[in-house]
Amino acid sequence: MPVHYIDFNNQLVPEGEAILTVENRAFRYGDGLFETMRWMDGDIRFLSHHVSRLQDGMRLLQLERPVDFDAHFIRSRAIELIRKNGLEGHHVRIRLQVYRDGGGLYSPQQNQAAYVMSVAKLDPDDVKHRKIGLIVDVYSDFRKPYSELSKLKSANSLVYVMAGLYRKKNGLDDVLILNQEGFLCESLSSNIFIWYGKKLYTPAISEGCIDGVMRRIVIEMALEDGLEVIEAQISPAIMSQADEIFHTNAIHGVQWVMGYKQKRYFNRISRMLQEKLLLMQG
């Protein structure tokens, strides 16, 4: 099999090669954050939004020189890695993890940033969830605490791991995660939107959800189409009454939720937004 490469601090190395030490702070403490991006048609989709979120997160974590991780740097490293892995012309999932370099216990010895970038081929059509829809449930065993850190795509992911185990055990497509007060937060890897009473609701950032790139794009598109968008505190009880629910992320765009327990949903708004998104990407 051909060797697959990753970008480890500006060096392309085989992904099976040992690169991390026991002192690595991302491994020891989850001391870092990441971006998941989609490469298509020769560029990273909505790259400026990803750069803005990454740099804001780095500043929040007090990592030095977030400006080094600008659009030119991320795009150029992605292009080289995609070429090295023979993925030119494909849709590609890019994962960029940035972490605090150096040692130390809970108190870091320094604040320089290091990174790892990886790429994987994507199905360019992504039609499965658009046509069939997702079957979901609410995960309630562990809840996500919220603070200013909650909006980051953080390396601290135990709540998502446990929710993922629940999803897999119960044969679901996705699960919705609650915040510490028991209100809707997000799904495993997406923000959530709910169409109810002819208004579009989504959990507010203050409710602990990730500040998603596609969340921003979808809100902008909905407002342009004259829809009323409300960022709010949302009870999971709304899922039994909503007309429509859909998930959003940078890889899959808009994903229609077909069912929750015995409830089945329409897909008019999600289909409209997905078609608009495809036109933007065309």
C-alpha atoms as a PDB file:
ATOM      1  CA  MET A   1       0.000   0.000   0.000  1.00  0.00           C
ATOM      2  CA  PRO A   2       1.220   3.543  -0.716  1.00  0.00           C
ATOM      3  CA  VAL A   3       2.597   5.519   2.216  1.00  0.00           C
ATOM      4  CA  HIS A   4       0.273   8.232   3.520  1.00  0.00           C
ATOM      5  CA  TYR A   5       1.896  11.417   4.762  1.00  0.00           C
ATOM      6  CA  ILE A   6       1.088  14.032   7.391  1.00  0.00           C
ATOM      7  CA  ASP A   7       2.552  17.484   7.931  1.00  0.00           C
ATOM      8  CA  PHE A   8       4.281  17.671  11.306  1.00  0.00           C
ATOM      9  CA  ASN A   9       5.575  21.189  11.929  1.00  0.00           C
ATOM     10  CA  ASN A  10       6.488  21.855   8.302  1.00  0.00           C
ATOM     11  CA  GLN A  11       7.901  18.386   7.656  1.00  0.00           C
ATOM     12  CA  LEU A  12       6.081  15.746   5.606  1.00  0.00           C
ATOM     13  CA  VAL A  13       6.450  12.412   7.389  1.00  0.00           C
ATOM     14  CA  PRO A  14       4.736   9.014   7.045  1.00  0.00           C
ATOM     15  CA  GLU A  15       1.647   8.946   9.261  1.00  0.00           C
ATOM     16  CA  GLY A  16       2.823   5.720  10.892  1.00  0.00           C
ATOM     17  CA  GLU A  17       6.046   7.302  12.085  1.00  0.00           C
ATOM     18  CA  ALA A  18       6.321   8.087  15.802  1.00  0.00           C
ATOM     19  CA  ILE A  19       6.394  11.858  16.190  1.00  0.00           C
ATOM     20  CA  LEU A  20       4.993  12.636  19.649  1.00  0.00           C
ATOM     21  CA  THR A  21       6.790  12.279  22.956  1.00  0.00           C
ATOM     22  CA  VAL A  22       5.297  11.561  26.354  1.00  0.00           C
ATOM     23  CA  GLU A  23       5.721  15.277  27.112  1.00  0.00           C
ATOM     24  CA  ASN A  24       3.376  16.328  24.289  1.00  0.00           C
ATOM     25  CA  ARG A  25       0.824  18.668  25.832  1.00  0.00           C
ATOM     26  CA  ALA A  26      -1.965  17.809  23.390  1.00  0.00           C
ATOM     27  CA  PHE A  27      -1.591  14.176  24.455  1.00  0.00           C
ATOM     28  CA  ARG A  28      -1.163  14.850  28.175  1.00  0.00           C
ATOM     29  CA  TYR A  29      -3.667  17.628  28.759  1.00  0.00           C
ATOM     30  CA  GLY A  30      -5.635  18.202  25.585  1.00  0.00           C
ATOM     31  CA  ASP A  31      -3.793  21.522  25.424  1.00  0.00           C
ATOM     32  CA  GLY A  32      -4.757  22.597  21.925  1.00  0.00           C
ATOM     33  CA  LEU A  33      -7.470  23.100  19.359  1.00  0.00           C
ATOM     34  CA  PHE A  34      -8.186  22.061  15.786  1.00  0.00           C
ATOM     35  CA  GLU A  35      -9.907  22.976  12.541  1.00  0.00           C
ATOM     36  CA  THR A  36     -11.606  20.543  10.176  1.00  0.00           C
ATOM     37  CA  MET A  37     -11.854  21.928   6.654  1.00  0.00           C
ATOM     38  CA  ARG A  38     -13.027  20.812   3.225  1.00  0.00           C
ATOM     39  CA  TRP A  39     -10.845  21.097   0.139  1.00  0.00           C
ATOM     40  CA  MET A  40     -12.774  21.194  -3.130  1.00  0.00           C
ATOM     41  CA  ASP A  41     -12.379  22.853  -6.516  1.00  0.00           C
ATOM     42  CA  GLY A  42      -8.745  23.694  -5.797  1.00  0.00           C
ATOM     43  CA  ASP A  43      -9.144  25.511  -2.486  1.00  0.00           C
ATOM     44  CA  ILE A  44     -10.322  25.271   1.118  1.00  0.00           C
ATOM     45  CA  ARG A  45     -13.965  26.227   1.439  1.00  0.00           C
ATOM     46  CA  PHE A  46     -14.641  29.262   3.659  1.00  0.00           C
ATOM     47  CA  LEU A  47     -10.968  29.433   4.586  1.00  0.00           C
ATOM     48  CA  SER A  48     -11.184  32.988   5.945  1.00  0.00           C
ATOM     49  CA  HIS A  49     -13.791  31.850   8.476  1.00  0.00           C
ATOM     50  CA  HIS A  50     -11.593  28.941   9.592  1.00  0.00           C
ATOM     51  CA  VAL A  51      -8.569  31.236   9.943  1.00  0.00           C
ATOM     52  CA  SER A  52     -10.546  33.750  11.994  1.00  0.00           C
ATOM     53  CA  ARG A  53     -11.844  31.083  14.367  1.00  0.00           C
ATOM     54  CA  LEU A  54      -8.458  29.393  14.731  1.00  0.00           C
ATOM     55  CA  GLN A  55      -6.632  32.637  15.470  1.00  0.00           C
ATOM     56  CA  ASP A  56      -9.302  33.746  17.955  1.00  0.00           C
ATOM     57  CA  GLY A  57      -8.983  30.392  19.720  1.00  0.00           C
ATOM     58  CA  MET A  58      -5.203  30.607  19.835  1.00  0.00           C
ATOM     59  CA  ARG A  59      -5.442  34.048  21.424  1.00  0.00           C
ATOM     60  CA  LEU A  60      -7.905  32.724  23.983  1.00  0.00           C
ATOM     61  CA  LEU A  61      -5.457  29.921  24.871  1.00  0.00           C
ATOM     62  CA  GLN A  62      -2.597  32.446  24.980  1.00  0.00           C
ATOM     63  CA  LEU A  63      -0.646  30.685  22.237  1.00  0.00           C
ATOM     64  CA  GLU A  64       2.014  32.867  20.650  1.00  0.00           C
ATOM     65  CA  ARG A  65       1.888  34.288  17.121  1.00  0.00           C
ATOM     66  CA  PRO A  66      -1.572  33.222  15.928  1.00  0.00           C
ATOM     67  CA  VAL A  67      -1.000  35.472  12.895  1.00  0.00           C
ATOM     68  CA  ASP A  68       1.470  32.862  11.601  1.00  0.00           C
ATOM     69  CA  PHE A  69      -1.506  30.567  10.958  1.00  0.00           C
ATOM     70  CA  ASP A  70      -2.967  32.734   8.221  1.00  0.00           C
ATOM     71  CA  ALA A  71      -4.755  31.759   4.999  1.00  0.00           C
ATOM     72  CA  HIS A  72      -1.544  31.653   2.955  1.00  0.00           C
ATOM     73  CA  PHE A  73       0.192  29.326   5.414  1.00  0.00           C
ATOM     74  CA  ILE A  74      -2.739  26.920   5.797  1.00  0.00           C
ATOM     75  CA  ARG A  75      -3.489  26.815   2.058  1.00  0.00           C
ATOM     76  CA  SER A  76       0.145  26.315   1.041  1.00  0.00           C
ATOM     77  CA  ARG A  77       0.727  23.518   3.559  1.00  0.00           C
ATOM     78  CA  ALA A  78      -2.521  21.837   2.511  1.00  0.00           C
ATOM     79  CA  ILE A  79      -1.582  22.007  -1.186  1.00  0.00           C
ATOM     80  CA  GLU A  80       1.805  20.407  -0.552  1.00  0.00           C
ATOM     81  CA  LEU A  81       0.303  17.668   1.614  1.00  0.00           C
ATOM     82  CA  ILE A  82      -2.489  16.930  -0.858  1.00  0.00           C
ATOM     83  CA  ARG A  83       0.059  16.636  -3.678  1.00  0.00           C
ATOM     84  CA  LYS A  84       2.325  14.417  -1.601  1.00  0.00           C
ATOM     85  CA  ASN A  85      -0.591  12.040  -1.027  1.00  0.00           C
ATOM     86  CA  GLY A  86      -1.754  12.097  -4.649  1.00  0.00           C
ATOM     87  CA  LEU A  87      -5.140  13.617  -3.832  1.00  0.00           C
ATOM     88  CA  GLU A  88      -5.168  16.414  -6.412  1.00  0.00           C
ATOM     89  CA  GLY A  89      -8.572  16.722  -8.064  1.00  0.00           C
ATOM     90  CA  HIS A  90     -10.385  15.083  -5.147  1.00  0.00           C
ATOM     91  CA  HIS A  91     -12.524  16.422  -2.363  1.00  0.00           C
ATOM     92  CA  VAL A  92     -10.364  16.248   0.767  1.00  0.00           C
ATOM     93  CA  ARG A  93     -10.952  16.486   4.500  1.00  0.00           C
ATOM     94  CA  ILE A  94      -8.182  18.544   6.139  1.00  0.00           C
ATOM     95  CA  ARG A  95      -7.579  18.415   9.873  1.00  0.00           C
ATOM     96  CA  LEU A  96      -5.217  20.961  11.390  1.00  0.00           C
ATOM     97  CA  GLN A  97      -4.407  20.504  15.074  1.00  0.00           C
ATOM     98  CA  VAL A  98      -2.528  23.305  16.826  1.00  0.00           C
ATOM     99  CA  TYR A  99      -1.154  22.682  20.296  1.00  0.00           C
ATOM    100  CA  ARG A 100       1.120  24.243  22.887  1.00  0.00           C
ATOM    101  CA  ASP A 101       4.670  23.020  22.345  1.00  0.00           C
ATOM    102  CA  GLY A 102       7.127  22.206  25.122  1.00  0.00           C
ATOM    103  CA  GLY A 103       6.757  20.524  28.479  1.00  0.00           C
ATOM    104  CA  GLY A 104       5.575  21.437  31.938  1.00  0.00           C
ATOM    105  CA  LEU A 105       2.800  20.132  34.129  1.00  0.00           C
ATOM    106  CA  TYR A 106      -0.497  22.032  34.199  1.00  0.00           C
ATOM    107  CA  SER A 107       1.545  25.236  34.053  1.00  0.00           C
ATOM    108  CA  PRO A 108       3.254  25.349  30.629  1.00  0.00           C
ATOM    109  CA  GLN A 109       6.951  26.077  30.294  1.00  0.00           C
ATOM    110  CA  GLN A 110       6.277  28.228  27.216  1.00  0.00           C
ATOM    111  CA  ASN A 111       3.489  29.180  24.808  1.00  0.00           C
ATOM    112  CA  GLN A 112       4.869  28.497  21.342  1.00  0.00           C
ATOM    113  CA  ALA A 113       2.471  26.751  18.976  1.00  0.00           C
ATOM    114  CA  ALA A 114       3.150  23.521  17.101  1.00  0.00           C
ATOM    115  CA  TYR A 115       0.878  21.738  14.643  1.00  0.00           C
ATOM    116  CA  VAL A 116      -0.052  18.542  12.831  1.00  0.00           C
ATOM    117  CA  MET A 117      -2.000  18.533   9.549  1.00  0.00           C
ATOM    118  CA  SER A 118      -3.578  15.441   8.020  1.00  0.00           C
ATOM    119  CA  VAL A 119      -5.701  14.845   4.914  1.00  0.00           C
ATOM    120  CA  ALA A 120      -8.188  12.190   3.812  1.00  0.00           C
ATOM    121  CA  LYS A 121     -10.163  11.677   0.615  1.00  0.00           C
ATOM    122  CA  LEU A 122     -13.884  12.525   0.722  1.00  0.00           C
ATOM    123  CA  ASP A 123     -16.838  11.349  -1.329  1.00  0.00           C
ATOM    124  CA  PRO A 124     -17.517  14.355  -3.608  1.00  0.00           C
ATOM    125  CA  ASP A 125     -21.262  13.671  -3.775  1.00  0.00           C
ATOM    126  CA  ASP A 126     -22.187  13.397  -0.095  1.00  0.00           C
ATOM    127  CA  VAL A 127     -25.712  12.531  -1.171  1.00  0.00           C
ATOM    128  CA  LYS A 128     -26.580   9.900   1.426  1.00  0.00           C
ATOM    129  CA  HIS A 129     -27.671  12.168   4.255  1.00  0.00           C
ATOM    130  CA  ARG A 130     -29.237  14.759   1.963  1.00  0.00           C
ATOM    131  CA  LYS A 131     -31.691  12.211   0.537  1.00  0.00           C
ATOM    132  CA  ILE A 132     -32.174   9.762   3.386  1.00  0.00           C
ATOM    133  CA  GLY A 133     -31.773  11.918   6.464  1.00  0.00           C
ATOM    134  CA  LEU A 134     -30.335  11.198   9.889  1.00  0.00           C
ATOM    135  CA  ILE A 135     -31.860   9.201  12.729  1.00  0.00           C
ATOM    136  CA  VAL A 136     -30.879  10.821  16.024  1.00  0.00           C
ATOM    137  CA  ASP A 137     -31.420  10.667  19.764  1.00  0.00           C
ATOM    138  CA  VAL A 138     -30.565  12.856  22.734  1.00  0.00           C
ATOM    139  CA  TYR A 139     -27.501  11.831  24.733  1.00  0.00           C
ATOM    140  CA  SER A 140     -27.896  12.634  28.424  1.00  0.00           C
ATOM    141  CA  ASP A 141     -25.399  10.485  30.366  1.00  0.00           C
ATOM    142  CA  PHE A 142     -22.825  13.287  30.406  1.00  0.00           C
ATOM    143  CA  ARG A 143     -23.441  16.950  29.711  1.00  0.00           C
ATOM    144  CA  LYS A 144     -21.163  19.584  28.235  1.00  0.00           C
ATOM    145  CA  PRO A 145     -20.140  22.377  30.640  1.00  0.00           C
ATOM    146  CA  TYR A 146     -20.176  25.839  29.154  1.00  0.00           C
ATOM    147  CA  SER A 147     -17.767  28.740  29.450  1.00  0.00           C
ATOM    148  CA  GLU A 148     -15.861  30.941  27.024  1.00  0.00           C
ATOM    149  CA  LEU A 149     -13.768  27.850  26.189  1.00  0.00           C
ATOM    150  CA  SER A 150     -16.825  25.847  25.083  1.00  0.00           C
ATOM    151  CA  LYS A 151     -16.981  27.495  21.656  1.00  0.00           C
ATOM    152  CA  LEU A 152     -13.510  26.204  20.723  1.00  0.00           C
ATOM    153  CA  LYS A 153     -12.899  23.051  18.708  1.00  0.00           C
ATOM    154  CA  SER A 154     -10.795  21.867  21.588  1.00  0.00           C
ATOM    155  CA  ALA A 155      -8.604  18.799  21.992  1.00  0.00           C
ATOM    156  CA  ASN A 156     -10.628  18.150  25.176  1.00  0.00           C
ATOM    157  CA  SER A 157     -13.271  15.814  23.748  1.00  0.00           C
ATOM    158  CA  LEU A 158     -14.349  13.249  26.349  1.00  0.00           C
ATOM    159  CA  VAL A 159     -18.029  14.253  26.239  1.00  0.00           C
ATOM    160  CA  TYR A 160     -18.023  13.681  22.472  1.00  0.00           C
ATOM    161  CA  VAL A 161     -16.210  10.361  22.841  1.00  0.00           C
ATOM    162  CA  MET A 162     -18.795   9.074  25.334  1.00  0.00           C
ATOM    163  CA  ALA A 163     -21.631  10.347  23.157  1.00  0.00           C
ATOM    164  CA  GLY A 164     -20.008   8.606  20.184  1.00  0.00           C
ATOM    165  CA  LEU A 165     -19.994   5.323  22.072  1.00  0.00           C
ATOM    166  CA  TYR A 166     -23.711   5.777  22.805  1.00  0.00           C
ATOM    167  CA  ARG A 167     -24.404   6.546  19.131  1.00  0.00           C
ATOM    168  CA  LYS A 168     -22.565   3.452  17.979  1.00  0.00           C
ATOM    169  CA  LYS A 169     -24.133   1.164  20.589  1.00  0.00           C
ATOM    170  CA  ASN A 170     -27.639   2.262  19.621  1.00  0.00           C
ATOM    171  CA  GLY A 171     -27.132   2.223  15.852  1.00  0.00           C
ATOM    172  CA  LEU A 172     -27.833   5.933  15.400  1.00  0.00           C
ATOM    173  CA  ASP A 173     -26.564   8.358  12.768  1.00  0.00           C
ATOM    174  CA  ASP A 174     -25.935  11.113  15.318  1.00  0.00           C
ATOM    175  CA  VAL A 175     -26.793  12.199  18.853  1.00  0.00           C
ATOM    176  CA  LEU A 176     -27.612  15.573  20.355  1.00  0.00           C
ATOM    177  CA  ILE A 177     -25.543  16.701  23.320  1.00  0.00           C
ATOM    178  CA  LEU A 178     -26.992  18.709  26.217  1.00  0.00           C
ATOM    179  CA  ASN A 179     -25.244  21.472  28.136  1.00  0.00           C
ATOM    180  CA  GLN A 180     -24.827  21.461  31.894  1.00  0.00           C
ATOM    181  CA  GLU A 181     -28.330  22.896  32.404  1.00  0.00           C
ATOM    182  CA  GLY A 182     -29.974  20.251  30.224  1.00  0.00           C
ATOM    183  CA  PHE A 183     -30.616  22.440  27.179  1.00  0.00           C
ATOM    184  CA  LEU A 184     -29.705  21.545  23.590  1.00  0.00           C
ATOM    185  CA  CYS A 185     -26.092  22.288  22.735  1.00  0.00           C
ATOM    186  CA  GLU A 186     -24.942  20.562  19.522  1.00  0.00           C
ATOM    187  CA  SER A 187     -24.445  17.117  18.014  1.00  0.00           C
ATOM    188  CA  LEU A 188     -21.321  14.971  17.874  1.00  0.00           C
ATOM    189  CA  SER A 189     -19.691  16.985  15.107  1.00  0.00           C
ATOM    190  CA  SER A 190     -22.267  19.572  14.073  1.00  0.00           C
ATOM    191  CA  ASN A 191     -24.273  22.563  15.117  1.00  0.00           C
ATOM    192  CA  ILE A 192     -28.041  22.076  15.166  1.00  0.00           C
ATOM    193  CA  PHE A 193     -30.937  24.092  13.731  1.00  0.00           C
ATOM    194  CA  ILE A 194     -34.646  23.677  14.439  1.00  0.00           C
ATOM    195  CA  TRP A 195     -37.523  24.962  12.284  1.00  0.00           C
ATOM    196  CA  TYR A 196     -40.524  25.564  14.553  1.00  0.00           C
ATOM    197  CA  GLY A 197     -43.415  28.011  14.330  1.00  0.00           C
ATOM    198  CA  LYS A 198     -42.037  29.381  11.040  1.00  0.00           C
ATOM    199  CA  LYS A 199     -38.844  30.497  12.776  1.00  0.00           C
ATOM    200  CA  LEU A 200     -35.346  29.017  12.669  1.00  0.00           C
ATOM    201  CA  TYR A 201     -33.818  28.354  16.077  1.00  0.00           C
ATOM    202  CA  THR A 202     -30.250  27.399  16.964  1.00  0.00           C
ATOM    203  CA  PRO A 203     -28.541  27.176  20.371  1.00  0.00           C
ATOM    204  CA  ALA A 204     -26.754  30.413  21.245  1.00  0.00           C
ATOM    205  CA  ILE A 205     -22.967  30.316  21.575  1.00  0.00           C
ATOM    206  CA  SER A 206     -23.510  31.118  25.271  1.00  0.00           C
ATOM    207  CA  GLU A 207     -25.238  27.721  25.588  1.00  0.00           C
ATOM    208  CA  GLY A 208     -21.891  25.974  25.073  1.00  0.00           C
ATOM    209  CA  CYS A 209     -21.970  25.013  21.403  1.00  0.00           C
ATOM    210  CA  ILE A 210     -19.004  25.182  19.048  1.00  0.00           C
ATOM    211  CA  ASP A 211     -18.796  28.452  17.111  1.00  0.00           C
ATOM    212  CA  GLY A 212     -19.156  26.569  13.845  1.00  0.00           C
ATOM    213  CA  VAL A 213     -18.024  27.933  10.498  1.00  0.00           C
ATOM    214  CA  MET A 214     -21.007  26.379   8.691  1.00  0.00           C
ATOM    215  CA  ARG A 215     -23.276  27.636  11.481  1.00  0.00           C
ATOM    216  CA  ARG A 216     -22.245  31.192  10.571  1.00  0.00           C
ATOM    217  CA  ILE A 217     -22.712  30.560   6.849  1.00  0.00           C
ATOM    218  CA  VAL A 218     -26.176  29.032   7.325  1.00  0.00           C
ATOM    219  CA  ILE A 219     -27.339  31.898   9.547  1.00  0.00           C
ATOM    220  CA  GLU A 220     -26.185  34.375   6.884  1.00  0.00           C
ATOM    221  CA  MET A 221     -27.963  32.442   4.118  1.00  0.00           C
ATOM    222  CA  ALA A 222     -31.179  32.134   6.140  1.00  0.00           C
ATOM    223  CA  LEU A 223     -31.248  35.850   6.906  1.00  0.00           C
ATOM    224  CA  GLU A 224     -30.642  36.656   3.232  1.00  0.00           C
ATOM    225  CA  ASP A 225     -33.705  34.546   2.392  1.00  0.00           C
ATOM    226  CA  GLY A 226     -35.828  36.476   4.863  1.00  0.00           C
ATOM    227  CA  LEU A 227     -36.037  33.774   7.520  1.00  0.00           C
ATOM    228  CA  GLU A 228     -36.167  34.804  11.164  1.00  0.00           C
ATOM    229  CA  VAL A 229     -33.194  33.262  12.979  1.00  0.00           C
ATOM    230  CA  ILE A 230     -33.245  33.066  16.779  1.00  0.00           C
ATOM    231  CA  GLU A 231     -30.141  32.112  18.779  1.00  0.00           C
ATOM    232  CA  ALA A 232     -31.531  30.927  22.084  1.00  0.00           C
ATOM    233  CA  GLN A 233     -31.660  28.544  25.004  1.00  0.00           C
ATOM    234  CA  ILE A 234     -33.593  25.552  23.658  1.00  0.00           C
ATOM    235  CA  SER A 235     -35.261  22.737  25.590  1.00  0.00           C
ATOM    236  CA  PRO A 236     -34.945  19.232  24.118  1.00  0.00           C
ATOM    237  CA  ALA A 237     -38.742  19.011  24.432  1.00  0.00           C
ATOM    238  CA  ILE A 238     -38.955  21.025  21.208  1.00  0.00           C
ATOM    239  CA  MET A 239     -37.781  17.980  19.277  1.00  0.00           C
ATOM    240  CA  SER A 240     -41.198  16.372  19.677  1.00  0.00           C
ATOM    241  CA  GLN A 241     -42.911  19.485  18.284  1.00  0.00           C
ATOM    242  CA  ALA A 242     -40.493  20.807  15.632  1.00  0.00           C
ATOM    243  CA  ASP A 243     -41.331  20.700  11.947  1.00  0.00           C
ATOM    244  CA  GLU A 244     -37.739  20.279  10.855  1.00  0.00           C
ATOM    245  CA  ILE A 245     -34.256  19.719  12.327  1.00  0.00           C
ATOM    246  CA  PHE A 246     -30.936  19.783  10.519  1.00  0.00           C
ATOM    247  CA  HIS A 247     -27.236  19.684  11.367  1.00  0.00           C
ATOM    248  CA  THR A 248     -24.431  21.774   9.895  1.00  0.00           C
ATOM    249  CA  ASN A 249     -20.666  21.394   9.660  1.00  0.00           C
ATOM    250  CA  ALA A 250     -17.867  22.394   7.318  1.00  0.00           C
ATOM    251  CA  ILE A 251     -17.430  18.914   5.835  1.00  0.00           C
ATOM    252  CA  HIS A 252     -21.017  17.917   5.005  1.00  0.00           C
ATOM    253  CA  GLY A 253     -22.714  21.301   4.813  1.00  0.00           C
ATOM    254  CA  VAL A 254     -26.386  20.877   5.772  1.00  0.00           C
ATOM    255  CA  GLN A 255     -27.647  17.455   6.867  1.00  0.00           C
ATOM    256  CA  TRP A 256     -31.359  16.784   7.224  1.00  0.00           C
ATOM    257  CA  VAL A 257     -32.563  14.963  10.342  1.00  0.00           C
ATOM    258  CA  MET A 258     -35.300  12.534   9.331  1.00  0.00           C
ATOM    259  CA  GLY A 259     -36.302  11.135  12.691  1.00  0.00           C
ATOM    260  CA  TYR A 260     -36.107  11.246  16.481  1.00  0.00           C
ATOM    261  CA  LYS A 261     -37.781   8.331  18.292  1.00  0.00           C
ATOM    262  CA  GLN A 262     -41.256   8.128  16.663  1.00  0.00           C
ATOM    263  CA  LYS A 263     -41.125  11.689  15.328  1.00  0.00           C
ATOM    264  CA  ARG A 264     -40.480  12.335  11.614  1.00  0.00           C
ATOM    265  CA  TYR A 265     -39.457  15.678  10.136  1.00  0.00           C
ATOM    266  CA  PHE A 266     -39.835  17.574   6.876  1.00  0.00           C
ATOM    267  CA  ASN A 267     -36.777  18.748   4.939  1.00  0.00           C
ATOM    268  CA  ARG A 268     -37.985  21.850   3.072  1.00  0.00           C
ATOM    269  CA  ILE A 269     -35.759  24.445   4.786  1.00  0.00           C
ATOM    270  CA  SER A 270     -32.693  22.214   4.957  1.00  0.00           C
ATOM    271  CA  ARG A 271     -33.042  21.283   1.280  1.00  0.00           C
ATOM    272  CA  MET A 272     -33.365  24.946   0.308  1.00  0.00           C
ATOM    273  CA  LEU A 273     -30.255  25.879   2.300  1.00  0.00           C
ATOM    274  CA  GLN A 274     -28.292  22.918   0.963  1.00  0.00           C
ATOM    275  CA  GLU A 275     -29.137  23.876  -2.621  1.00  0.00           C
ATOM    276  CA  LYS A 276     -28.093  27.454  -1.938  1.00  0.00           C
ATOM    277  CA  LEU A 277     -24.852  26.224  -0.396  1.00  0.00           C
ATOM    278  CA  LEU A 278     -24.142  24.075  -3.456  1.00  0.00           C
ATOM    279  CA  LEU A 279     -24.590  27.120  -5.683  1.00  0.00           C
ATOM    280  CA  MET A 280     -22.099  29.023  -3.531  1.00  0.00           C
ATOM    281  CA  GLN A 281     -19.643  26.160  -3.920  1.00  0.00           C
ATOM    282  CA  GLY A 282     -20.208  25.708  -7.643  1.00  0.00           C
END
